[in-house]
Protein backbone atom coordinates (compact mmCIF):
# COMPACT_ATOMS: atom_id res chain seq x y z
CA MET A 1 48.97 -39.16 73.61
CA SER A 2 47.06 -42.23 71.72
CA PRO A 3 48.70 -45.55 71.71
CA THR A 4 50.32 -46.77 68.70
CA PRO A 5 48.09 -49.07 66.54
CA SER A 6 49.37 -52.71 66.25
CA PRO A 7 51.06 -53.74 62.89
CA SER A 8 47.56 -55.75 62.17
CA VAL A 9 45.55 -53.00 62.59
CA SER A 10 48.00 -50.89 60.39
CA ARG A 11 47.66 -53.37 57.76
CA SER A 12 43.99 -53.63 57.77
CA ALA A 13 43.77 -49.81 57.37
CA ALA A 14 46.20 -49.87 54.41
CA ARG A 15 44.16 -52.28 52.77
CA ARG A 16 40.98 -50.05 52.72
CA THR A 17 42.88 -47.04 51.59
CA VAL A 18 41.77 -46.38 48.22
CA TYR A 19 42.66 -43.47 45.51
CA ARG A 20 40.29 -41.44 43.64
CA ALA A 21 40.54 -40.14 40.30
CA ASP A 22 41.75 -36.77 41.44
CA GLY A 23 44.36 -38.07 43.56
CA ARG A 24 42.94 -37.97 47.15
CA SER A 25 42.89 -41.09 49.25
CA GLN A 26 39.58 -42.32 50.88
CA ASP A 27 39.32 -44.41 53.95
CA ARG A 28 36.33 -47.04 53.09
CA ARG A 29 35.94 -47.40 56.52
CA ALA A 30 33.67 -44.26 56.55
CA GLY A 31 31.61 -45.99 54.23
CA ARG A 32 29.28 -47.32 56.91
CA GLY A 33 26.93 -44.07 57.48
CA GLY A 34 29.90 -41.57 57.27
CA ARG A 35 29.95 -38.77 54.75
CA GLY A 36 30.70 -39.66 51.48
CA GLY A 37 30.07 -43.26 51.96
CA ARG A 38 27.45 -45.74 50.39
CA LEU A 39 24.22 -46.41 51.99
CA ARG A 40 23.53 -50.06 52.84
CA GLY A 41 21.15 -52.32 54.94
CA PRO A 42 17.43 -53.82 53.52
CA GLY A 43 16.00 -50.78 56.03
CA THR A 44 17.46 -48.08 53.86
CA VAL A 45 16.48 -49.47 50.84
CA LEU A 46 13.11 -49.83 51.92
CA VAL A 47 12.80 -46.24 53.04
CA ILE A 48 14.04 -44.94 49.59
CA VAL A 49 11.56 -47.11 47.75
CA VAL A 50 8.58 -46.19 50.20
CA ALA A 51 9.29 -41.92 49.56
CA LEU A 52 9.79 -42.85 46.00
CA GLY A 53 6.58 -44.69 45.85
CA ALA A 54 4.77 -41.70 47.83
CA LEU A 55 6.12 -39.12 45.07
CA ALA A 56 5.11 -41.33 42.08
CA ILE A 57 1.37 -41.33 43.53
CA ALA A 58 1.45 -37.56 44.68
CA PHE A 59 2.80 -36.72 41.33
CA GLY A 60 0.38 -38.77 39.38
CA SER A 61 -2.66 -38.25 41.43
CA SER A 62 -1.99 -34.37 40.62
CA LEU A 63 -1.50 -34.59 36.92
CA ASP A 64 -4.59 -37.26 36.77
CA HIS A 65 -6.61 -34.31 38.67
CA THR A 66 -5.51 -31.87 36.30
CA VAL A 67 -6.02 -33.82 33.08
CA ARG A 68 -9.58 -34.39 34.46
CA ARG A 69 -10.26 -31.07 34.73
CA LEU A 70 -8.94 -29.79 31.01
CA ALA A 71 -11.58 -32.49 29.77
CA LEU A 72 -14.08 -31.47 32.11
CA PRO A 73 -14.13 -27.59 31.75
CA LEU A 74 -16.01 -25.00 34.15
CA SER A 75 -16.75 -21.27 33.90
CA ASN A 76 -19.52 -18.91 35.25
CA GLU A 77 -19.23 -20.74 38.64
CA GLN A 78 -20.75 -17.75 40.46
CA VAL A 79 -23.80 -17.50 38.29
CA ILE A 80 -24.21 -21.33 38.61
CA ARG A 81 -23.97 -21.19 42.52
CA GLU A 82 -26.48 -18.08 42.39
CA GLN A 83 -28.80 -20.23 40.10
CA ALA A 84 -28.47 -23.24 42.47
CA ALA A 85 -29.16 -21.53 45.56
CA ALA A 86 -32.16 -19.63 44.04
CA LYS A 87 -33.99 -22.90 42.74
CA HIS A 88 -32.82 -25.10 45.18
CA LEU A 89 -30.74 -27.51 42.51
CA ASP A 90 -27.17 -29.29 42.73
CA PRO A 91 -24.99 -26.85 41.09
CA ALA A 92 -23.13 -29.93 39.88
CA LEU A 93 -26.15 -30.70 38.10
CA ILE A 94 -26.55 -27.31 36.42
CA ALA A 95 -22.75 -27.55 35.71
CA ALA A 96 -23.31 -31.12 34.02
CA VAL A 97 -26.40 -30.09 31.71
CA ILE A 98 -24.27 -27.15 30.49
CA TYR A 99 -21.23 -29.70 29.82
CA ALA A 100 -23.51 -32.06 27.96
CA GLU A 101 -25.15 -29.32 25.89
CA THR A 102 -22.08 -26.86 24.70
CA LYS A 103 -19.28 -27.98 27.10
CA PHE A 104 -19.42 -24.02 28.28
CA ASP A 105 -18.84 -22.94 24.73
CA PRO A 106 -22.06 -20.89 23.97
CA ARG A 107 -23.16 -21.10 20.17
CA THR A 108 -26.81 -21.47 18.56
CA SER A 109 -27.70 -25.21 17.68
CA PRO A 110 -29.32 -25.67 14.13
CA ALA A 111 -32.68 -26.04 16.01
CA GLY A 112 -32.15 -22.27 17.29
CA ALA A 113 -31.23 -23.48 20.65
CA GLU A 114 -29.44 -20.24 22.60
CA GLY A 115 -26.40 -20.06 24.95
CA LEU A 116 -24.83 -22.16 27.42
CA MET A 117 -27.83 -24.26 28.68
CA GLN A 118 -29.29 -24.67 24.93
CA ILE A 119 -32.70 -22.74 25.46
CA GLU A 120 -35.00 -22.86 22.49
CA PRO A 121 -36.86 -19.33 22.02
CA ALA A 122 -40.31 -21.02 22.41
CA THR A 123 -39.05 -22.94 25.75
CA ALA A 124 -37.88 -19.61 26.64
CA GLU A 125 -41.26 -17.91 26.00
CA PHE A 126 -43.21 -20.40 28.06
CA LEU A 127 -40.77 -20.36 31.06
CA ALA A 128 -40.77 -16.42 31.12
CA LYS A 129 -44.63 -16.47 30.89
CA LEU A 130 -44.44 -19.13 33.77
CA SER A 131 -42.13 -17.05 35.83
CA GLY A 132 -43.68 -13.87 35.32
CA GLY A 133 -40.84 -12.54 33.13
CA TYR A 134 -42.81 -10.87 30.43
CA ARG A 135 -40.14 -8.33 29.31
CA PHE A 136 -37.99 -11.40 28.11
CA GLN A 137 -36.53 -11.20 24.97
CA THR A 138 -35.29 -13.94 22.76
CA SER A 139 -32.03 -12.13 22.18
CA ASP A 140 -31.51 -12.19 26.18
CA LEU A 141 -30.64 -15.72 25.94
CA ALA A 142 -27.39 -15.18 25.04
CA THR A 143 -26.48 -13.41 28.29
CA PRO A 144 -24.79 -16.34 30.65
CA SER A 145 -26.65 -14.91 33.63
CA VAL A 146 -29.96 -14.95 31.95
CA ASN A 147 -29.21 -18.34 30.00
CA VAL A 148 -28.52 -20.43 33.06
CA ALA A 149 -31.31 -18.63 35.02
CA TYR A 150 -33.57 -19.93 32.24
CA GLY A 151 -32.06 -23.33 32.19
CA SER A 152 -32.15 -23.54 35.92
CA TYR A 153 -35.76 -22.52 36.13
CA TYR A 154 -36.29 -25.41 33.53
CA LEU A 155 -34.54 -28.02 35.53
CA ARG A 156 -36.39 -26.91 38.56
CA TYR A 157 -39.93 -27.11 36.79
CA LEU A 158 -38.91 -30.64 35.31
CA LEU A 159 -37.82 -31.94 38.45
CA ASP A 160 -40.79 -30.78 40.59
CA HIS A 161 -42.72 -32.53 37.47
CA TYR A 162 -41.17 -35.76 38.08
CA SER A 163 -41.22 -35.78 42.41
CA GLY A 164 -37.40 -34.83 42.07
CA ASP A 165 -36.07 -37.73 40.14
CA GLU A 166 -33.04 -36.38 38.38
CA MET A 167 -32.80 -38.82 35.79
CA LEU A 168 -36.19 -38.35 34.26
CA ALA A 169 -35.93 -34.54 34.59
CA VAL A 170 -32.70 -34.87 32.29
CA ALA A 171 -34.32 -36.94 29.82
CA ALA A 172 -37.21 -34.71 29.56
CA TYR A 173 -34.76 -31.50 29.38
CA ASN A 174 -33.16 -33.57 26.04
CA ALA A 175 -36.47 -35.49 24.88
CA GLY A 176 -39.11 -32.97 26.21
CA LEU A 177 -41.83 -33.61 28.65
CA ALA A 178 -43.95 -35.39 26.20
CA ASN A 179 -41.82 -37.99 25.50
CA VAL A 180 -40.73 -38.85 28.83
CA ASP A 181 -44.41 -39.02 30.34
CA ARG A 182 -45.14 -41.68 27.54
CA TRP A 183 -42.21 -43.63 28.45
CA VAL A 184 -42.88 -43.60 32.21
CA THR A 185 -46.60 -44.26 31.55
CA GLU A 186 -45.74 -47.44 29.27
CA ALA A 187 -43.15 -48.60 31.98
CA HIS A 188 -45.69 -48.12 34.62
CA ALA A 189 -48.36 -50.19 32.48
CA GLU A 190 -45.40 -53.04 32.36
CA GLY A 191 -45.47 -53.05 36.37
CA ARG A 192 -41.82 -51.32 36.33
CA SER A 193 -40.19 -47.92 36.73
CA LEU A 194 -38.37 -46.35 33.68
CA THR A 195 -34.51 -46.85 34.26
CA ALA A 196 -32.05 -44.81 32.33
CA GLY A 197 -30.70 -47.94 30.23
CA GLN A 198 -34.46 -48.48 29.13
CA ILE A 199 -34.84 -44.68 27.58
CA PRO A 200 -36.36 -45.31 23.93
CA PHE A 201 -34.40 -42.92 22.21
CA PRO A 202 -30.46 -43.74 22.14
CA GLU A 203 -29.50 -40.24 21.82
CA THR A 204 -31.48 -39.38 25.57
CA ARG A 205 -29.97 -42.44 26.97
CA ALA A 206 -26.34 -41.19 26.06
CA TYR A 207 -27.40 -37.58 26.87
CA VAL A 208 -28.63 -38.84 30.65
CA GLN A 209 -25.74 -41.12 31.24
CA ARG A 210 -23.41 -38.60 30.39
CA VAL A 211 -24.81 -35.51 32.31
CA LEU A 212 -25.22 -37.96 35.50
CA ARG A 213 -21.44 -39.09 34.98
CA ALA A 214 -20.42 -35.45 34.31
CA GLN A 215 -22.40 -34.43 37.87
CA ARG A 216 -20.59 -36.85 39.76
CA GLU A 217 -17.40 -35.58 38.15
CA TYR A 218 -18.09 -31.88 39.01
CA ARG A 219 -18.83 -32.62 42.36
CA ALA A 220 -15.63 -34.33 42.66
CA LEU A 221 -13.67 -32.02 40.70
CA TYR A 222 -15.09 -28.62 41.49
CA GLY A 223 -16.79 -28.72 44.71
CA ARG A 224 -14.82 -25.69 46.01
CA GLN A 225 -15.81 -23.79 42.86
CA LEU A 226 -19.18 -24.90 42.87
CA GLY A 227 -19.75 -24.54 46.74
CA LEU A 228 -20.42 -27.87 47.62
């Protein structure tokens, strides 16, 4: 049998008894860690703050990733992977050129360029002869697999021409070999190398910067899809 509490303890307990709105009593002495009590102490607050911060970071990171993907579309991943492997190209570079050309929404340009990588018929015919594709027809450029194959072949051709320099190859994809060769020659005559910021054509300068930036983004966002 438990001893009878002293009057002083009983009075203390009575002072801690409160009544809820439903008429039931609740002993506040259960408050320290007891069920229904309040959480107290700086350690508990710190744990809650850290947990909420981690959730905010995780949610924010996931949301940012989703938003970036929506702004940077991707399709025909298998075709890109296959052509990158066949032509020894960075698949993110192929994707970035497609993004800069059409944002993966193939259409015919006012100049007659076709498909995802905006290949002009004259360029396609030149590449067909260069690669031995004598059965090529301009209408084939509307087929994504053919279009990406020809665009990738052209990128490989340009990279070989410029000894692997991606910036120069991308510039030539937009402005043509003759222009970029002239810019490179002029830069060398002045004892310097041509940089992206020194490209004379504003359109080509912006194009190169857009492609190289998108290449980094595609590698970061779509590494698995592109086989990286």
